[in-house]
PDB file of N, CA and C in Angstrom:
ATOM      1  N   UNK A   1      62.305  65.151 107.523  1.00  0.00           N
ATOM      2  CA  UNK A   1      61.795  66.512 107.432  1.00  0.00           C
ATOM      3  C   UNK A   1      62.866  67.474 107.964  1.00  0.00           C
ATOM      4  N   UNK A   2      63.213  68.505 107.195  1.00  0.00           N
ATOM      5  CA  UNK A   2      64.243  69.448 107.643  1.00  0.00           C
ATOM      6  C   UNK A   2      63.762  70.280 108.830  1.00  0.00           C
ATOM      7  N   UNK A   3      64.712  70.611 109.690  1.00  0.00           N
ATOM      8  CA  UNK A   3      64.382  71.458 110.836  1.00  0.00           C
ATOM      9  C   UNK A   3      64.159  72.884 110.366  1.00  0.00           C
ATOM     10  N   UNK A   4      63.298  73.579 111.073  1.00  0.00           N
ATOM     11  CA  UNK A   4      63.077  74.996 110.759  1.00  0.00           C
ATOM     12  C   UNK A   4      64.259  75.807 111.245  1.00  0.00           C
ATOM     13  N   UNK A   5      64.696  76.727 110.430  1.00  0.00           N
ATOM     14  CA  UNK A   5      65.795  77.607 110.794  1.00  0.00           C
ATOM     15  C   UNK A   5      65.201  78.947 111.212  1.00  0.00           C
ATOM     16  N   UNK A   6      65.583  79.436 112.378  1.00  0.00           N
ATOM     17  CA  UNK A   6      65.042  80.738 112.788  1.00  0.00           C
ATOM     18  C   UNK A   6      65.584  81.856 111.900  1.00  0.00           C
ATOM     19  N   UNK A   7      64.762  82.825 111.649  1.00  0.00           N
ATOM     20  CA  UNK A   7      65.159  83.947 110.803  1.00  0.00           C
ATOM     21  C   UNK A   7      65.859  85.015 111.637  1.00  0.00           C
ATOM     22  N   UNK A   8      66.860  85.631 111.048  1.00  0.00           N
ATOM     23  CA  UNK A   8      67.551  86.746 111.686  1.00  0.00           C
ATOM     24  C   UNK A   8      67.002  88.085 111.190  1.00  0.00           C
ATOM     25  N   UNK A   9      66.001  88.031 110.329  1.00  0.00           N
ATOM     26  CA  UNK A   9      65.482  89.256 109.723  1.00  0.00           C
ATOM     27  C   UNK A   9      65.034  90.268 110.773  1.00  0.00           C
ATOM     28  N   UNK A  10      64.393  89.813 111.849  1.00  0.00           N
ATOM     29  CA  UNK A  10      63.925  90.755 112.864  1.00  0.00           C
ATOM     30  C   UNK A  10      65.096  91.506 113.500  1.00  0.00           C
ATOM     31  N   UNK A  11      66.255  90.860 113.616  1.00  0.00           N
ATOM     32  CA  UNK A  11      67.439  91.545 114.144  1.00  0.00           C
ATOM     33  C   UNK A  11      67.973  92.556 113.138  1.00  0.00           C
ATOM     34  N   UNK A  12      67.993  92.181 111.886  1.00  0.00           N
ATOM     35  CA  UNK A  12      68.492  93.087 110.850  1.00  0.00           C
ATOM     36  C   UNK A  12      67.627  94.337 110.742  1.00  0.00           C
ATOM     37  N   UNK A  13      66.364  94.212 111.061  1.00  0.00           N
ATOM     38  CA  UNK A  13      65.445  95.346 110.995  1.00  0.00           C
ATOM     39  C   UNK A  13      65.456  96.196 112.258  1.00  0.00           C
ATOM     40  N   UNK A  14      66.194  95.776 113.280  1.00  0.00           N
ATOM     41  CA  UNK A  14      66.259  96.497 114.551  1.00  0.00           C
ATOM     42  C   UNK A  14      67.429  97.484 114.519  1.00  0.00           C
ATOM     43  N   UNK A  15      67.158  98.795 114.435  1.00  0.00           N
ATOM     44  CA  UNK A  15      68.238  99.778 114.308  1.00  0.00           C
ATOM     45  C   UNK A  15      69.197  99.772 115.502  1.00  0.00           C
ATOM     46  N   UNK A  16      68.695  99.523 116.686  1.00  0.00           N
ATOM     47  CA  UNK A  16      69.558  99.501 117.879  1.00  0.00           C
ATOM     48  C   UNK A  16      70.551  98.338 117.813  1.00  0.00           C
ATOM     49  N   UNK A  17      70.062  97.158 117.469  1.00  0.00           N
ATOM     50  CA  UNK A  17      70.917  95.980 117.341  1.00  0.00           C
ATOM     51  C   UNK A  17      71.919  96.191 116.217  1.00  0.00           C
ATOM     52  N   UNK A  18      71.423  96.736 115.120  1.00  0.00           N
ATOM     53  CA  UNK A  18      72.254  96.979 113.953  1.00  0.00           C
ATOM     54  C   UNK A  18      73.414  97.911 114.283  1.00  0.00           C
ATOM     55  N   UNK A  19      73.147  98.975 115.014  1.00  0.00           N
ATOM     56  CA  UNK A  19      74.186  99.930 115.391  1.00  0.00           C
ATOM     57  C   UNK A  19      75.199  99.284 116.337  1.00  0.00           C
ATOM     58  N   UNK A  20      74.726  98.464 117.250  1.00  0.00           N
ATOM     59  CA  UNK A  20      75.618  97.777 118.188  1.00  0.00           C
ATOM     60  C   UNK A  20      76.563  96.825 117.457  1.00  0.00           C
ATOM     61  N   UNK A  21      76.030  96.093 116.498  1.00  0.00           N
ATOM     62  CA  UNK A  21      76.843  95.164 115.713  1.00  0.00           C
ATOM     63  C   UNK A  21      77.877  95.938 114.894  1.00  0.00           C
ATOM     64  N   UNK A  22      77.476  97.050 114.295  1.00  0.00           N
ATOM     65  CA  UNK A  22      78.396  97.880 113.507  1.00  0.00           C
ATOM     66  C   UNK A  22      79.542  98.375 114.387  1.00  0.00           C
ATOM     67  N   UNK A  23      79.219  98.868 115.564  1.00  0.00           N
ATOM     68  CA  UNK A  23      80.232  99.380 116.490  1.00  0.00           C
ATOM     69  C   UNK A  23      81.191  98.273 116.917  1.00  0.00           C
ATOM     70  N   UNK A  24      80.632  97.114 117.258  1.00  0.00           N
ATOM     71  CA  UNK A  24      81.474  95.979 117.650  1.00  0.00           C
ATOM     72  C   UNK A  24      82.396  95.548 116.510  1.00  0.00           C
ATOM     73  N   UNK A  25      81.871  95.516 115.295  1.00  0.00           N
ATOM     74  CA  UNK A  25      82.673  95.117 114.136  1.00  0.00           C
ATOM     75  C   UNK A  25      83.812  96.110 113.898  1.00  0.00           C
ATOM     76  N   UNK A  26      83.532  97.392 114.039  1.00  0.00           N
ATOM     77  CA  UNK A  26      84.585  98.395 113.881  1.00  0.00           C
ATOM     78  C   UNK A  26      85.660  98.226 114.942  1.00  0.00           C
ATOM     79  N   UNK A  27      85.245  98.011 116.174  1.00  0.00           N
ATOM     80  CA  UNK A  27      86.208  97.810 117.261  1.00  0.00           C
ATOM     81  C   UNK A  27      87.117  96.613 116.983  1.00  0.00           C
ATOM     82  N   UNK A  28      86.526  95.513 116.533  1.00  0.00           N
ATOM     83  CA  UNK A  28      87.319  94.315 116.239  1.00  0.00           C
ATOM     84  C   UNK A  28      88.269  94.553 115.068  1.00  0.00           C
ATOM     85  N   UNK A  29      87.781  95.246 114.035  1.00  0.00           N
ATOM     86  CA  UNK A  29      88.632  95.531 112.871  1.00  0.00           C
ATOM     87  C   UNK A  29      89.827  96.392 113.266  1.00  0.00           C
ATOM     88  N   UNK A  30      89.615  97.378 114.101  1.00  0.00           N
ATOM     89  CA  UNK A  30      90.699  98.252 114.549  1.00  0.00           C
ATOM     90  C   UNK A  30      91.719  97.452 115.357  1.00  0.00           C
ATOM     91  N   UNK A  31      91.243  96.593 116.249  1.00  0.00           N
ATOM     92  CA  UNK A  31      92.155  95.780 117.059  1.00  0.00           C
ATOM     93  C   UNK A  31      92.964  94.804 116.216  1.00  0.00           C
ATOM     94  N   UNK A  32      92.324  94.190 115.248  1.00  0.00           N
ATOM     95  CA  UNK A  32      92.988  93.164 114.451  1.00  0.00           C
ATOM     96  C   UNK A  32      93.913  93.744 113.390  1.00  0.00           C
ATOM     97  N   UNK A  33      93.628  94.942 112.922  1.00  0.00           N
ATOM     98  CA  UNK A  33      94.414  95.498 111.826  1.00  0.00           C
ATOM     99  C   UNK A  33      95.291  96.668 112.252  1.00  0.00           C
ATOM    100  N   UNK A  34      95.083  97.149 113.452  1.00  0.00           N
ATOM    101  CA  UNK A  34      95.800  98.311 113.990  1.00  0.00           C
ATOM    102  C   UNK A  34      95.578  99.563 113.137  1.00  0.00           C
ATOM    103  N   UNK A  35      94.445  99.625 112.474  1.00  0.00           N
ATOM    104  CA  UNK A  35      94.098 100.810 111.703  1.00  0.00           C
ATOM    105  C   UNK A  35      93.696 101.932 112.653  1.00  0.00           C
ATOM    106  N   UNK A  36      93.923 103.139 112.254  1.00  0.00           N
ATOM    107  CA  UNK A  36      93.527 104.267 113.081  1.00  0.00           C
ATOM    108  C   UNK A  36      92.283 104.957 112.533  1.00  0.00           C
ATOM    109  N   UNK A  37      91.969 104.730 111.267  1.00  0.00           N
ATOM    110  CA  UNK A  37      90.794 105.341 110.646  1.00  0.00           C
ATOM    111  C   UNK A  37      89.550 104.535 110.980  1.00  0.00           C
ATOM    112  N   UNK A  38      88.518 105.207 111.456  1.00  0.00           N
ATOM    113  CA  UNK A  38      87.226 104.584 111.716  1.00  0.00           C
ATOM    114  C   UNK A  38      86.157 105.406 111.036  1.00  0.00           C
ATOM    115  N   UNK A  39      85.428 104.821 110.085  1.00  0.00           N
ATOM    116  CA  UNK A  39      84.367 105.586 109.424  1.00  0.00           C
ATOM    117  C   UNK A  39      83.272 105.978 110.418  1.00  0.00           C
ATOM    118  N   UNK A  40      82.758 107.178 110.266  1.00  0.00           N
ATOM    119  CA  UNK A  40      81.691 107.656 111.156  1.00  0.00           C
ATOM    120  C   UNK A  40      80.351 107.003 110.814  1.00  0.00           C
ATOM    121  N   UNK A  41      80.136 106.756 109.535  1.00  0.00           N
ATOM    122  CA  UNK A  41      78.893 106.131 109.073  1.00  0.00           C
ATOM    123  C   UNK A  41      79.243 105.022 108.089  1.00  0.00           C
ATOM    124  N   UNK A  42      78.311 104.132 107.887  1.00  0.00           N
ATOM    125  CA  UNK A  42      78.521 103.062 106.919  1.00  0.00           C
ATOM    126  C   UNK A  42      78.468 103.606 105.504  1.00  0.00           C
ATOM    127  N   UNK A  43      79.308 103.041 104.686  1.00  0.00           N
ATOM    128  CA  UNK A  43      79.344 103.471 103.289  1.00  0.00           C
ATOM    129  C   UNK A  43      78.210 102.835 102.491  1.00  0.00           C
ATOM    130  N   UNK A  44      77.769 101.655 102.901  1.00  0.00           N
ATOM    131  CA  UNK A  44      76.722 100.933 102.188  1.00  0.00           C
ATOM    132  C   UNK A  44      75.544 100.680 103.108  1.00  0.00           C
ATOM    133  N   UNK A  45      74.353 100.747 102.546  1.00  0.00           N
ATOM    134  CA  UNK A  45      73.147 100.470 103.330  1.00  0.00           C
ATOM    135  C   UNK A  45      72.996  98.962 103.527  1.00  0.00           C
ATOM    136  N   UNK A  46      72.191  98.600 104.494  1.00  0.00           N
ATOM    137  CA  UNK A  46      71.931  97.185 104.754  1.00  0.00           C
ATOM    138  C   UNK A  46      71.306  96.524 103.530  1.00  0.00           C
ATOM    139  N   UNK A  47      70.430  97.236 102.846  1.00  0.00           N
ATOM    140  CA  UNK A  47      69.783  96.689 101.651  1.00  0.00           C
ATOM    141  C   UNK A  47      70.813  96.382 100.567  1.00  0.00           C
ATOM    142  N   UNK A  48      71.807  97.274 100.416  1.00  0.00           N
ATOM    143  CA  UNK A  48      72.861  97.041  99.421  1.00  0.00           C
ATOM    144  C   UNK A  48      73.685  95.808  99.787  1.00  0.00           C
ATOM    145  N   UNK A  49      74.052  95.685 101.037  1.00  0.00           N
ATOM    146  CA  UNK A  49      74.892  94.570 101.480  1.00  0.00           C
ATOM    147  C   UNK A  49      74.165  93.238 101.326  1.00  0.00           C
ATOM    148  N   UNK A  50      72.863  93.229 101.556  1.00  0.00           N
ATOM    149  CA  UNK A  50      72.098  91.989 101.480  1.00  0.00           C
ATOM    150  C   UNK A  50      71.659  91.649 100.059  1.00  0.00           C
ATOM    151  N   UNK A  51      71.865  92.554  99.106  1.00  0.00           N
ATOM    152  CA  UNK A  51      71.470  92.292  97.721  1.00  0.00           C
ATOM    153  C   UNK A  51      72.342  91.186  97.120  1.00  0.00           C
ATOM    154  N   UNK A  52      71.746  90.353  96.300  1.00  0.00           N
ATOM    155  CA  UNK A  52      72.475  89.229  95.713  1.00  0.00           C
ATOM    156  C   UNK A  52      73.625  89.695  94.825  1.00  0.00           C
ATOM    157  N   UNK A  53      73.501  90.851  94.211  1.00  0.00           N
ATOM    158  CA  UNK A  53      74.540  91.332  93.304  1.00  0.00           C
ATOM    159  C   UNK A  53      75.491  92.319  93.975  1.00  0.00           C
ATOM    160  N   UNK A  54      75.542  92.337  95.285  1.00  0.00           N
ATOM    161  CA  UNK A  54      76.391  93.273  96.035  1.00  0.00           C
ATOM    162  C   UNK A  54      77.871  92.942  95.913  1.00  0.00           C
ATOM    163  N   UNK A  55      78.646  93.907  95.486  1.00  0.00           N
ATOM    164  CA  UNK A  55      80.113  93.812  95.479  1.00  0.00           C
ATOM    165  C   UNK A  55      80.657  95.175  95.871  1.00  0.00           C
ATOM    166  N   UNK A  56      81.273  95.305  97.045  1.00  0.00           N
ATOM    167  CA  UNK A  56      81.800  96.607  97.448  1.00  0.00           C
ATOM    168  C   UNK A  56      82.948  97.049  96.538  1.00  0.00           C
ATOM    169  N   UNK A  57      83.104  98.335  96.420  1.00  0.00           N
ATOM    170  CA  UNK A  57      84.208  98.845  95.588  1.00  0.00           C
ATOM    171  C   UNK A  57      85.381  99.246  96.430  1.00  0.00           C
TER     172      UNK A  57
END
């Protein structure tokens, strides 16, 4: 019998957690790439990113 996998959906629906993850990801991207540009807001919504047919442009 397969083990149950906990869902992360409750975290994805939490705006506070979501914002913290976004900020951390931006910080890491800047450190790793030495980019100086940081977007103020996300270009894509969470729903777009999680869609099966999602491909950023």
